[in-house]
């Protein structure tokens, strides 16, 4: 089987980052293109420039309709896709720094062996590598499948990292290509059933340029609001996001006690996993 996949990745966090992690949307390239075309048509009628969870205006009915249509289209396309993944992985405030520290040690060691000493690059690389390593843990696929396009929402540090061209073993390569090569080495060693990472396929982008990144953002934001509403903290905006998420994905969600998975803690009722480690919501199709 030979299948080319496209992925969109965005970071997620509670309001004060007590818990944080990443959200992922993966579709075959052809299905990702169809989703982008369908999503583009939803923007203008709702007077939107992009879909973004934090910018959602729950008082505007036209926006509520557009966001629900956006998630519904994502699910409809995924149901006919040969392979797909929707996932959100939220780490507690103990495990997240442990995991990113591991990514830091790995990238620093590899980049050091290549003679790369640029401190800005070394500082940003772990932040860039961590979601890639998480995706490999979550996604399995038949032999011959490849991630040919990975779009990660960028911030200032990641944008600066992506703009770099680095000298390694006498060759000048884009920083993103070196990172993708590192991720592929890690995949082979630790998650050989995950799809191959194409060296030229990794990009850090503005969310407005990628509907898969936007889908990852909305999926992460609305799913967190859904969980928080089930745990008892409800505002009008949160209730609207939760209702939209439940209407689109409700039949796929567990109906067990949500307190088994997460709790609200602190004066600000922050969401945190009930147990140490990661709280992961994951929907897959086509391969297990």
Protein backbone atom coordinates (compact mmCIF):
# COMPACT_ATOMS: atom_id res chain seq x y z
CA UNK A 1 0.00 0.00 0.00
CA UNK A 2 1.33 3.43 -0.93
CA UNK A 3 -0.53 6.34 0.64
CA UNK A 4 0.53 9.97 1.03
CA UNK A 5 -0.81 11.74 4.11
CA UNK A 6 -1.16 15.39 5.12
CA UNK A 7 -1.18 16.49 8.76
CA UNK A 8 -2.14 19.67 10.56
CA UNK A 9 -0.83 20.27 14.10
CA UNK A 10 -1.62 22.96 16.65
CA UNK A 11 -0.77 23.42 20.30
CA UNK A 12 -3.51 23.31 22.95
CA UNK A 13 -3.48 24.50 26.55
CA UNK A 14 -5.78 25.40 29.38
CA UNK A 15 -6.17 29.13 30.05
CA UNK A 16 -3.21 29.28 32.45
CA UNK A 17 -1.34 26.36 30.84
CA UNK A 18 -1.75 24.06 33.83
CA UNK A 19 -2.09 21.36 31.17
CA UNK A 20 -0.88 21.62 27.59
CA UNK A 21 -0.17 19.54 24.53
CA UNK A 22 -1.12 19.27 20.86
CA UNK A 23 -4.01 18.50 18.57
CA UNK A 24 -3.72 16.66 15.26
CA UNK A 25 -5.70 16.14 12.07
CA UNK A 26 -4.36 13.68 9.48
CA UNK A 27 -5.98 12.87 6.13
CA UNK A 28 -4.80 11.46 2.81
CA UNK A 29 -3.50 14.26 0.58
CA UNK A 30 -6.43 14.07 -1.84
CA UNK A 31 -8.99 14.19 0.98
CA UNK A 32 -7.13 17.07 2.63
CA UNK A 33 -7.42 19.01 -0.63
CA UNK A 34 -11.17 18.31 -0.79
CA UNK A 35 -11.55 19.47 2.81
CA UNK A 36 -9.68 22.69 2.07
CA UNK A 37 -11.94 23.45 -0.88
CA UNK A 38 -15.08 22.81 1.17
CA UNK A 39 -13.78 24.87 4.09
CA UNK A 40 -12.87 27.83 1.92
CA UNK A 41 -16.49 28.08 0.82
CA UNK A 42 -17.65 28.40 4.44
CA UNK A 43 -15.61 31.51 5.29
CA UNK A 44 -17.18 34.34 3.30
CA UNK A 45 -20.85 33.73 4.26
CA UNK A 46 -19.82 33.88 7.95
CA UNK A 47 -17.49 36.86 7.37
CA UNK A 48 -14.52 34.85 8.60
CA UNK A 49 -10.91 34.91 7.44
CA UNK A 50 -10.13 31.58 9.14
CA UNK A 51 -11.45 29.13 11.72
CA UNK A 52 -9.87 29.69 15.13
CA UNK A 53 -11.28 28.40 18.42
CA UNK A 54 -10.34 31.43 20.52
CA UNK A 55 -11.87 33.81 17.98
CA UNK A 56 -15.24 32.00 17.90
CA UNK A 57 -18.16 34.41 18.51
CA UNK A 58 -20.90 32.33 20.06
CA UNK A 59 -23.46 35.17 19.89
CA UNK A 60 -23.30 35.22 16.09
CA UNK A 61 -25.57 32.50 14.75
CA UNK A 62 -23.88 32.57 11.36
CA UNK A 63 -20.54 31.76 12.99
CA UNK A 64 -22.04 28.92 15.03
CA UNK A 65 -23.41 27.44 11.82
CA UNK A 66 -20.09 27.87 10.01
CA UNK A 67 -18.03 26.23 12.74
CA UNK A 68 -20.43 23.30 13.00
CA UNK A 69 -20.35 22.90 9.22
CA UNK A 70 -16.54 23.04 9.32
CA UNK A 71 -16.31 20.18 11.83
CA UNK A 72 -19.11 18.25 10.12
CA UNK A 73 -17.30 18.48 6.78
CA UNK A 74 -14.12 17.26 8.45
CA UNK A 75 -15.93 14.23 9.81
CA UNK A 76 -17.76 13.51 6.53
CA UNK A 77 -14.56 13.53 4.51
CA UNK A 78 -12.77 11.42 7.12
CA UNK A 79 -15.50 8.78 7.03
CA UNK A 80 -14.81 8.12 3.36
CA UNK A 81 -11.02 8.43 3.65
CA UNK A 82 -8.74 5.45 3.40
CA UNK A 83 -7.02 6.46 6.64
CA UNK A 84 -7.45 9.32 9.09
CA UNK A 85 -6.58 10.49 12.59
CA UNK A 86 -8.18 13.10 14.82
CA UNK A 87 -6.46 13.43 18.18
CA UNK A 88 -5.81 15.75 21.12
CA UNK A 89 -3.17 14.86 23.67
CA UNK A 90 -3.07 16.96 26.83
CA UNK A 91 -0.14 16.52 29.23
CA UNK A 92 -0.20 17.45 32.90
CA UNK A 93 2.19 20.08 34.30
CA UNK A 94 4.65 17.41 35.44
CA UNK A 95 4.83 15.22 32.34
CA UNK A 96 4.86 18.01 29.75
CA UNK A 97 8.22 19.52 30.84
CA UNK A 98 9.64 16.00 31.24
CA UNK A 99 8.67 15.13 27.69
CA UNK A 100 9.91 18.37 26.18
CA UNK A 101 13.18 18.00 28.12
CA UNK A 102 13.62 14.59 26.51
CA UNK A 103 13.03 16.17 23.09
CA UNK A 104 15.57 18.86 23.98
CA UNK A 105 18.26 16.34 24.91
CA UNK A 106 17.69 14.35 21.74
CA UNK A 107 17.77 17.33 19.40
CA UNK A 108 20.75 18.93 21.12
CA UNK A 109 22.72 15.68 20.95
CA UNK A 110 21.95 15.09 17.28
CA UNK A 111 22.45 18.70 16.24
CA UNK A 112 25.67 18.79 18.25
CA UNK A 113 26.98 15.72 16.43
CA UNK A 114 26.33 17.58 13.16
CA UNK A 115 28.27 20.59 14.35
CA UNK A 116 25.22 22.86 14.68
CA UNK A 117 25.73 25.38 17.48
CA UNK A 118 23.24 28.17 16.70
CA UNK A 119 21.58 28.73 20.08
CA UNK A 120 18.30 30.08 18.67
CA UNK A 121 17.93 26.94 16.57
CA UNK A 122 18.84 24.64 19.43
CA UNK A 123 16.37 26.43 21.73
CA UNK A 124 13.48 26.17 19.28
CA UNK A 125 14.15 22.62 18.04
CA UNK A 126 12.66 20.80 21.08
CA UNK A 127 9.45 22.82 20.80
CA UNK A 128 9.30 21.88 17.14
CA UNK A 129 10.18 18.22 17.69
CA UNK A 130 7.79 17.45 20.58
CA UNK A 131 4.54 17.44 18.55
CA UNK A 132 6.19 15.34 15.84
CA UNK A 133 7.23 12.73 18.40
CA UNK A 134 3.70 12.74 19.84
CA UNK A 135 2.15 12.26 16.40
CA UNK A 136 4.31 9.18 15.83
CA UNK A 137 3.02 7.70 19.08
CA UNK A 138 -0.60 8.25 18.04
CA UNK A 139 -0.53 7.34 14.34
CA UNK A 140 0.06 3.90 12.85
CA UNK A 141 -0.28 3.00 9.20
CA UNK A 142 0.49 0.20 6.73
CA UNK A 143 4.00 -0.14 5.36
CA UNK A 144 4.63 2.28 2.51
CA UNK A 145 2.50 5.07 3.98
CA UNK A 146 4.22 8.44 4.30
CA UNK A 147 3.57 11.81 5.85
CA UNK A 148 4.35 13.91 2.81
CA UNK A 149 3.00 17.16 4.27
CA UNK A 150 3.10 18.25 7.93
CA UNK A 151 1.93 21.78 8.70
CA UNK A 152 2.52 23.04 12.25
CA UNK A 153 1.09 26.32 13.50
CA UNK A 154 4.01 28.65 14.04
CA UNK A 155 4.81 31.24 16.67
CA UNK A 156 7.74 33.67 16.66
CA UNK A 157 10.32 31.12 17.81
CA UNK A 158 9.18 28.42 15.38
CA UNK A 159 8.98 30.91 12.54
CA UNK A 160 12.57 31.97 13.20
CA UNK A 161 13.64 28.33 13.35
CA UNK A 162 11.93 27.51 10.06
CA UNK A 163 13.66 30.41 8.33
CA UNK A 164 17.14 29.06 9.09
CA UNK A 165 19.47 27.28 6.70
CA UNK A 166 22.04 25.23 8.59
CA UNK A 167 25.40 23.76 7.72
CA UNK A 168 25.64 20.08 8.66
CA UNK A 169 28.49 17.80 7.59
CA UNK A 170 29.46 20.19 4.83
CA UNK A 171 25.96 20.59 3.42
CA UNK A 172 23.56 23.49 3.74
CA UNK A 173 20.01 22.35 4.51
CA UNK A 174 16.79 24.04 5.70
CA UNK A 175 16.32 23.67 9.45
CA UNK A 176 12.94 22.05 8.80
CA UNK A 177 14.55 19.37 6.64
CA UNK A 178 17.08 18.55 9.36
CA UNK A 179 14.29 18.32 11.91
CA UNK A 180 12.22 16.07 9.64
CA UNK A 181 15.26 13.85 9.15
CA UNK A 182 15.73 13.65 12.92
CA UNK A 183 12.05 12.80 13.36
CA UNK A 184 12.36 10.02 10.79
CA UNK A 185 15.36 8.57 12.63
CA UNK A 186 13.38 8.67 15.89
CA UNK A 187 10.37 7.05 14.20
CA UNK A 188 12.42 4.15 12.86
CA UNK A 189 13.87 3.50 16.29
CA UNK A 190 10.79 3.95 18.50
CA UNK A 191 7.62 3.82 16.37
CA UNK A 192 8.34 1.79 13.21
CA UNK A 193 4.61 1.31 12.54
CA UNK A 194 4.14 5.06 12.15
CA UNK A 195 4.23 6.55 8.63
CA UNK A 196 7.54 7.61 7.14
CA UNK A 197 8.31 11.34 7.43
CA UNK A 198 9.29 12.94 4.13
CA UNK A 199 12.33 15.24 4.65
CA UNK A 200 10.86 18.03 2.54
CA UNK A 201 7.33 17.81 3.90
CA UNK A 202 7.63 19.70 7.19
CA UNK A 203 6.54 23.35 7.39
CA UNK A 204 5.73 25.88 10.12
CA UNK A 205 2.91 28.05 8.83
CA UNK A 206 0.46 30.78 9.71
CA UNK A 207 -2.80 29.06 10.60
CA UNK A 208 -4.67 31.09 7.97
CA UNK A 209 -2.76 29.25 5.24
CA UNK A 210 -3.73 25.73 6.31
CA UNK A 211 -7.23 24.40 6.89
CA UNK A 212 -5.75 21.27 8.50
CA UNK A 213 -4.04 23.45 11.11
CA UNK A 214 -7.32 25.30 11.61
CA UNK A 215 -9.12 21.99 11.99
CA UNK A 216 -6.59 20.87 14.60
CA UNK A 217 -7.07 24.17 16.45
CA UNK A 218 -10.87 23.96 16.50
CA UNK A 219 -10.85 20.25 17.34
CA UNK A 220 -8.55 20.88 20.31
CA UNK A 221 -10.36 23.97 21.54
CA UNK A 222 -13.90 22.63 21.23
CA UNK A 223 -13.03 19.21 22.70
CA UNK A 224 -11.47 20.85 25.78
CA UNK A 225 -14.56 23.01 26.22
CA UNK A 226 -16.75 19.93 25.84
CA UNK A 227 -14.85 18.11 28.58
CA UNK A 228 -14.86 21.12 30.89
CA UNK A 229 -18.61 21.52 30.44
CA UNK A 230 -19.11 17.87 31.39
CA UNK A 231 -17.07 18.47 34.55
CA UNK A 232 -19.34 21.30 35.59
CA UNK A 233 -17.80 24.62 34.56
CA UNK A 234 -20.12 26.16 31.99
CA UNK A 235 -20.23 29.61 30.43
CA UNK A 236 -22.44 30.50 27.46
CA UNK A 237 -19.50 30.41 25.06
CA UNK A 238 -18.21 27.13 26.46
CA UNK A 239 -21.69 25.60 26.28
CA UNK A 240 -22.03 26.54 22.61
CA UNK A 241 -18.64 25.02 21.73
CA UNK A 242 -19.49 21.89 23.73
CA UNK A 243 -22.88 21.54 22.04
CA UNK A 244 -21.38 21.89 18.56
CA UNK A 245 -18.67 19.36 19.36
CA UNK A 246 -21.23 16.91 20.76
CA UNK A 247 -23.56 17.25 17.79
CA UNK A 248 -20.73 16.43 15.39
CA UNK A 249 -18.86 13.76 17.36
CA UNK A 250 -21.29 12.71 20.09
CA UNK A 251 -21.79 9.15 18.88
CA UNK A 252 -18.02 8.58 19.10
CA UNK A 253 -17.64 9.83 22.67
CA UNK A 254 -17.61 7.73 25.80
CA UNK A 255 -20.57 8.14 28.15
CA UNK A 256 -18.66 7.02 31.25
CA UNK A 257 -17.88 9.30 34.18
CA UNK A 258 -15.73 12.12 32.86
CA UNK A 259 -14.12 12.52 36.27
CA UNK A 260 -12.22 9.32 35.57
CA UNK A 261 -10.23 11.18 32.95
CA UNK A 262 -9.89 14.78 34.13
CA UNK A 263 -10.61 17.14 37.01
CA UNK A 264 -11.06 20.87 37.50
CA UNK A 265 -8.51 22.23 39.92
CA UNK A 266 -7.50 25.51 41.53
CA UNK A 267 -9.33 28.79 42.01
CA UNK A 268 -9.72 29.24 38.25
CA UNK A 269 -11.14 25.72 37.71
CA UNK A 270 -8.33 24.68 35.37
CA UNK A 271 -8.61 21.37 33.54
CA UNK A 272 -6.03 18.70 34.43
CA UNK A 273 -5.74 14.95 33.74
CA UNK A 274 -6.95 12.80 36.64
CA UNK A 275 -3.80 10.71 36.47
CA UNK A 276 -0.19 11.65 35.79
CA UNK A 277 0.78 11.65 32.14
CA UNK A 278 -1.41 12.42 29.16
CA UNK A 279 -5.14 12.67 28.54
CA UNK A 280 -5.75 11.73 24.90
CA UNK A 281 -8.84 11.91 22.72
CA UNK A 282 -8.26 9.89 19.57
CA UNK A 283 -10.38 8.86 16.59
CA UNK A 284 -8.83 6.77 13.84
CA UNK A 285 -10.00 5.09 10.66
CA UNK A 286 -8.42 2.59 8.31
CA UNK A 287 -5.65 1.03 10.37
CA UNK A 288 -5.07 -0.04 13.99
